[in-house]
Amino acid sequence: MDELKEELNKDRFRVAIFGSARLKEDSPEYHQVFNLARLIASAEIDLVTGGGPGLMEAASRGFYEGKGNASIRSIGLNINLPDKQRFSAHLDVKKEFELFSERLNSFVDLSNAFVVTPGGIGTILELFYTWQLAQVKQIANKPLILMGEMWLDLLKWMRAWPLKDDLLDEADLDLVFLTRDYIEAFTVVQESYNDFRSGGTQFCRTYKKFRPNSHTAQ
């Protein structure tokens, strides 16, 4: 049995962080992700990332720095690309995939919550794949957390077009939590983790969200 299958057999709470491979250490987004991952580790929660550079590396580095319990794990799910993508440092479990579809399914199978940080097409693919599974109830009670103001315009567009034209429902938009920074994102993670530890089956979706039509939490 490979290490990834062993992890899937464990009853553990894990948070996936999606984000760009392009952003560098001197970017504000890098520091946001680093700090989020450090909080996740300090709460003794496992981490799942794409295992590559950029914001994925920020996550694995932050997790390593915040790690006080040797039993928690940082899992990296890399993808084999024409321009070889190196694994980030400080990963406890590594897996490389040939197909994006298999990699996406592994993210979903492993993770209990998802944090989507700034990124391009790959990150947007991960967001919408997870969001659709939640919409059609193929996954349930797994918060999908958008971190950063980058996502405001996306949600505004979804309200102005698909929602207005009855191509989706308001309930579909309620599946995501829009948060301004790593502190707000971690608050949602912590709420979900507390529910997991208490044996709960329903994650409360009444947490105050940063709505796309407002710059203040409602």
Protein backbone atom coordinates (compact mmCIF):
# COMPACT_ATOMS: atom_id res chain seq x y z
CA MET A 1 0.00 0.00 0.00
CA ASP A 2 1.47 3.39 -0.93
CA GLU A 3 1.61 6.29 1.50
CA LEU A 4 -1.34 8.12 -0.06
CA LYS A 5 -3.62 5.09 0.33
CA GLU A 6 -2.50 4.80 3.94
CA GLU A 7 -3.51 8.42 4.53
CA LEU A 8 -6.92 7.83 2.93
CA ASN A 9 -7.55 5.04 5.44
CA LYS A 10 -6.96 7.36 8.40
CA ASP A 11 -9.85 9.19 10.05
CA ARG A 12 -8.14 12.58 10.09
CA PHE A 13 -9.21 16.14 9.40
CA ARG A 14 -7.29 17.75 6.53
CA VAL A 15 -7.34 21.15 4.87
CA ALA A 16 -6.44 21.57 1.20
CA ILE A 17 -4.90 24.86 0.10
CA PHE A 18 -5.12 25.69 -3.62
CA GLY A 19 -3.03 28.51 -5.10
CA SER A 20 -0.65 29.77 -7.75
CA ALA A 21 2.75 28.24 -8.47
CA ARG A 22 3.94 31.62 -9.83
CA LEU A 23 3.79 33.92 -6.83
CA LYS A 24 7.11 34.53 -5.09
CA GLU A 25 8.25 34.79 -1.50
CA ASP A 26 8.14 38.59 -1.52
CA SER A 27 4.43 38.77 -2.47
CA PRO A 28 1.71 39.60 0.10
CA GLU A 29 -0.19 36.48 -1.00
CA TYR A 30 2.79 34.27 -0.12
CA HIS A 31 2.84 35.63 3.43
CA GLN A 32 -0.93 35.20 3.80
CA VAL A 33 -0.71 31.53 2.82
CA PHE A 34 2.38 30.96 4.97
CA ASN A 35 0.57 32.36 8.03
CA LEU A 36 -2.59 30.37 7.31
CA ALA A 37 -0.64 27.11 7.07
CA ARG A 38 1.23 27.89 10.27
CA LEU A 39 -2.10 28.28 12.09
CA ILE A 40 -3.35 25.02 10.58
CA ALA A 41 -0.28 23.20 11.90
CA SER A 42 -0.56 24.81 15.33
CA ALA A 43 -4.13 23.48 15.52
CA GLU A 44 -2.75 19.97 14.74
CA ILE A 45 -4.65 19.73 11.46
CA ASP A 46 -3.17 17.95 8.43
CA LEU A 47 -2.43 19.88 5.23
CA VAL A 48 -2.91 18.97 1.55
CA THR A 49 -1.37 21.05 -1.25
CA GLY A 50 -0.40 20.68 -4.89
CA GLY A 51 3.13 20.03 -3.67
CA GLY A 52 4.78 22.52 -6.01
CA PRO A 53 6.37 25.99 -5.81
CA GLY A 54 4.78 29.41 -5.20
CA LEU A 55 1.83 29.45 -2.82
CA MET A 56 2.02 25.69 -2.47
CA GLU A 57 5.53 26.08 -1.08
CA ALA A 58 4.36 28.94 1.16
CA ALA A 59 1.83 26.51 2.63
CA SER A 60 4.30 23.68 3.20
CA ARG A 61 6.86 26.06 4.74
CA GLY A 62 4.32 27.68 7.04
CA PHE A 63 3.01 24.27 8.08
CA TYR A 64 6.53 23.08 8.88
CA GLU A 65 7.22 26.17 10.99
CA GLY A 66 3.99 25.81 12.95
CA LYS A 67 4.30 22.07 13.43
CA GLY A 68 4.63 21.09 17.07
CA ASN A 69 3.19 17.58 16.78
CA ALA A 70 5.23 15.14 14.71
CA SER A 71 2.14 13.06 13.89
CA ILE A 72 0.49 15.71 11.69
CA ARG A 73 1.19 15.42 7.98
CA SER A 74 1.80 17.68 5.01
CA ILE A 75 0.70 15.93 1.81
CA GLY A 76 1.79 17.13 -1.63
CA LEU A 77 -0.12 16.08 -4.77
CA ASN A 78 2.09 17.11 -7.67
CA ILE A 79 1.34 16.93 -11.40
CA ASN A 80 3.69 15.79 -14.15
CA LEU A 81 3.97 18.72 -16.57
CA PRO A 82 6.13 19.26 -19.71
CA ASP A 83 8.12 21.82 -17.71
CA LYS A 84 8.86 19.65 -14.72
CA GLN A 85 7.32 21.06 -11.52
CA ARG A 86 9.55 20.41 -8.53
CA PHE A 87 8.18 19.28 -5.19
CA SER A 88 8.14 21.93 -2.48
CA ALA A 89 10.11 21.35 0.69
CA HIS A 90 8.87 19.93 4.00
CA LEU A 91 6.35 17.43 2.58
CA ASP A 92 5.72 14.28 4.60
CA VAL A 93 3.84 12.46 1.81
CA LYS A 94 4.47 13.00 -1.92
CA LYS A 95 2.51 11.76 -4.91
CA GLU A 96 2.93 12.71 -8.56
CA PHE A 97 0.01 12.35 -10.98
CA GLU A 98 -0.11 12.07 -14.76
CA LEU A 99 -3.74 13.21 -15.01
CA PHE A 100 -5.36 16.29 -13.52
CA SER A 101 -8.60 14.34 -13.03
CA GLU A 102 -6.98 11.78 -10.73
CA ARG A 103 -5.21 14.51 -8.80
CA LEU A 104 -8.45 16.48 -8.33
CA ASN A 105 -10.23 13.41 -7.03
CA SER A 106 -7.42 12.80 -4.53
CA PHE A 107 -7.74 16.37 -3.24
CA VAL A 108 -11.46 15.80 -2.68
CA ASP A 109 -11.06 12.35 -1.12
CA LEU A 110 -8.40 13.51 1.33
CA SER A 111 -9.72 16.90 2.40
CA ASN A 112 -12.42 18.07 4.80
CA ALA A 113 -12.10 21.78 3.94
CA PHE A 114 -10.70 23.72 1.00
CA VAL A 115 -9.03 27.15 0.99
CA VAL A 116 -8.70 28.75 -2.45
CA THR A 117 -6.01 31.43 -2.56
CA PRO A 118 -5.03 33.60 -5.55
CA GLY A 119 -4.16 31.67 -8.68
CA GLY A 120 -4.72 31.18 -12.37
CA ILE A 121 -6.37 28.52 -14.52
CA GLY A 122 -5.18 25.59 -12.40
CA THR A 123 -6.47 27.12 -9.20
CA ILE A 124 -9.76 28.09 -10.84
CA LEU A 125 -10.13 24.51 -12.10
CA GLU A 126 -9.68 23.22 -8.55
CA LEU A 127 -12.22 25.75 -7.26
CA PHE A 128 -14.94 24.97 -9.78
CA TYR A 129 -14.44 21.20 -9.67
CA THR A 130 -14.87 21.19 -5.89
CA TRP A 131 -17.74 23.68 -6.07
CA GLN A 132 -19.66 21.58 -8.58
CA LEU A 133 -19.30 18.45 -6.44
CA ALA A 134 -20.73 20.41 -3.50
CA GLN A 135 -23.54 21.80 -5.69
CA VAL A 136 -24.72 18.35 -6.76
CA LYS A 137 -24.14 16.93 -3.26
CA GLN A 138 -21.46 14.46 -4.26
CA ILE A 139 -19.56 15.93 -1.33
CA ALA A 140 -21.18 17.49 1.73
CA ASN A 141 -20.20 19.52 4.77
CA LYS A 142 -16.79 20.49 3.36
CA PRO A 143 -16.37 24.27 3.49
CA LEU A 144 -15.06 25.92 0.33
CA ILE A 145 -13.23 29.05 1.48
CA LEU A 146 -12.16 31.80 -0.93
CA MET A 147 -9.33 33.84 0.58
CA GLY A 148 -8.54 37.32 -0.67
CA GLU A 149 -10.24 40.14 -2.56
CA MET A 150 -9.27 38.59 -5.91
CA TRP A 151 -12.45 36.52 -5.69
CA LEU A 152 -14.83 39.47 -5.20
CA ASP A 153 -15.14 40.18 -8.92
CA LEU A 154 -15.72 36.50 -9.71
CA LEU A 155 -18.68 36.34 -7.33
CA LYS A 156 -19.99 39.67 -8.56
CA TRP A 157 -19.90 38.30 -12.11
CA MET A 158 -21.70 35.13 -11.04
CA ARG A 159 -24.45 37.22 -9.49
CA ALA A 160 -24.66 39.57 -12.47
CA TRP A 161 -24.86 36.81 -15.09
CA PRO A 162 -25.50 33.13 -14.18
CA LEU A 163 -27.59 33.94 -11.09
CA LYS A 164 -29.55 36.75 -12.77
CA ASP A 165 -30.30 34.48 -15.74
CA ASP A 166 -31.45 31.61 -13.46
CA LEU A 167 -28.49 29.42 -14.47
CA LEU A 168 -27.74 28.74 -10.82
CA ASP A 169 -29.42 29.28 -7.45
CA GLU A 170 -28.61 31.54 -4.52
CA ALA A 171 -27.98 28.36 -2.54
CA ASP A 172 -25.11 27.52 -4.89
CA LEU A 173 -23.37 30.76 -3.95
CA ASP A 174 -23.97 30.05 -0.28
CA LEU A 175 -21.69 27.02 -0.59
CA VAL A 176 -18.61 29.28 -0.50
CA PHE A 177 -17.16 31.40 2.27
CA LEU A 178 -15.52 34.59 1.08
CA THR A 179 -12.81 35.75 3.50
CA ARG A 180 -10.46 38.71 3.34
CA ASP A 181 -7.35 37.22 4.94
CA TYR A 182 -5.77 34.21 6.61
CA ILE A 183 -7.33 35.02 9.99
CA GLU A 184 -10.89 34.93 8.63
CA ALA A 185 -10.11 31.84 6.56
CA PHE A 186 -8.73 30.02 9.59
CA THR A 187 -11.82 30.91 11.63
CA VAL A 188 -13.95 28.93 9.16
CA VAL A 189 -11.45 26.05 9.21
CA GLN A 190 -11.49 25.99 13.01
CA GLU A 191 -15.31 25.95 13.15
CA SER A 192 -15.37 23.00 10.77
CA TYR A 193 -12.63 21.17 12.67
CA ASN A 194 -14.46 21.63 15.97
CA ASP A 195 -17.57 20.10 14.40
CA PHE A 196 -15.50 17.18 13.08
CA ARG A 197 -13.99 16.50 16.50
CA SER A 198 -17.40 16.58 18.20
CA GLY A 199 -18.71 13.97 15.77
CA GLY A 200 -20.98 16.42 14.00
CA THR A 201 -22.30 15.70 10.54
CA GLN A 202 -23.48 19.18 9.62
CA PHE A 203 -21.11 22.11 9.37
CA CYS A 204 -22.91 25.32 10.30
CA ARG A 205 -23.00 27.62 7.27
CA THR A 206 -24.21 30.66 9.19
CA TYR A 207 -20.70 31.98 9.81
CA LYS A 208 -20.54 35.70 8.91
CA LYS A 209 -19.21 35.87 5.38
CA PHE A 210 -17.47 38.58 3.45
CA ARG A 211 -20.18 39.14 0.85
CA PRO A 212 -19.32 40.22 -2.70
CA ASN A 213 -21.59 43.27 -2.52
CA SER A 214 -19.97 44.63 0.60
CA HIS A 215 -16.51 45.37 1.94
CA THR A 216 -17.61 44.58 5.47
CA ALA A 217 -18.53 41.25 6.99
CA GLN A 218 -22.25 40.75 7.37
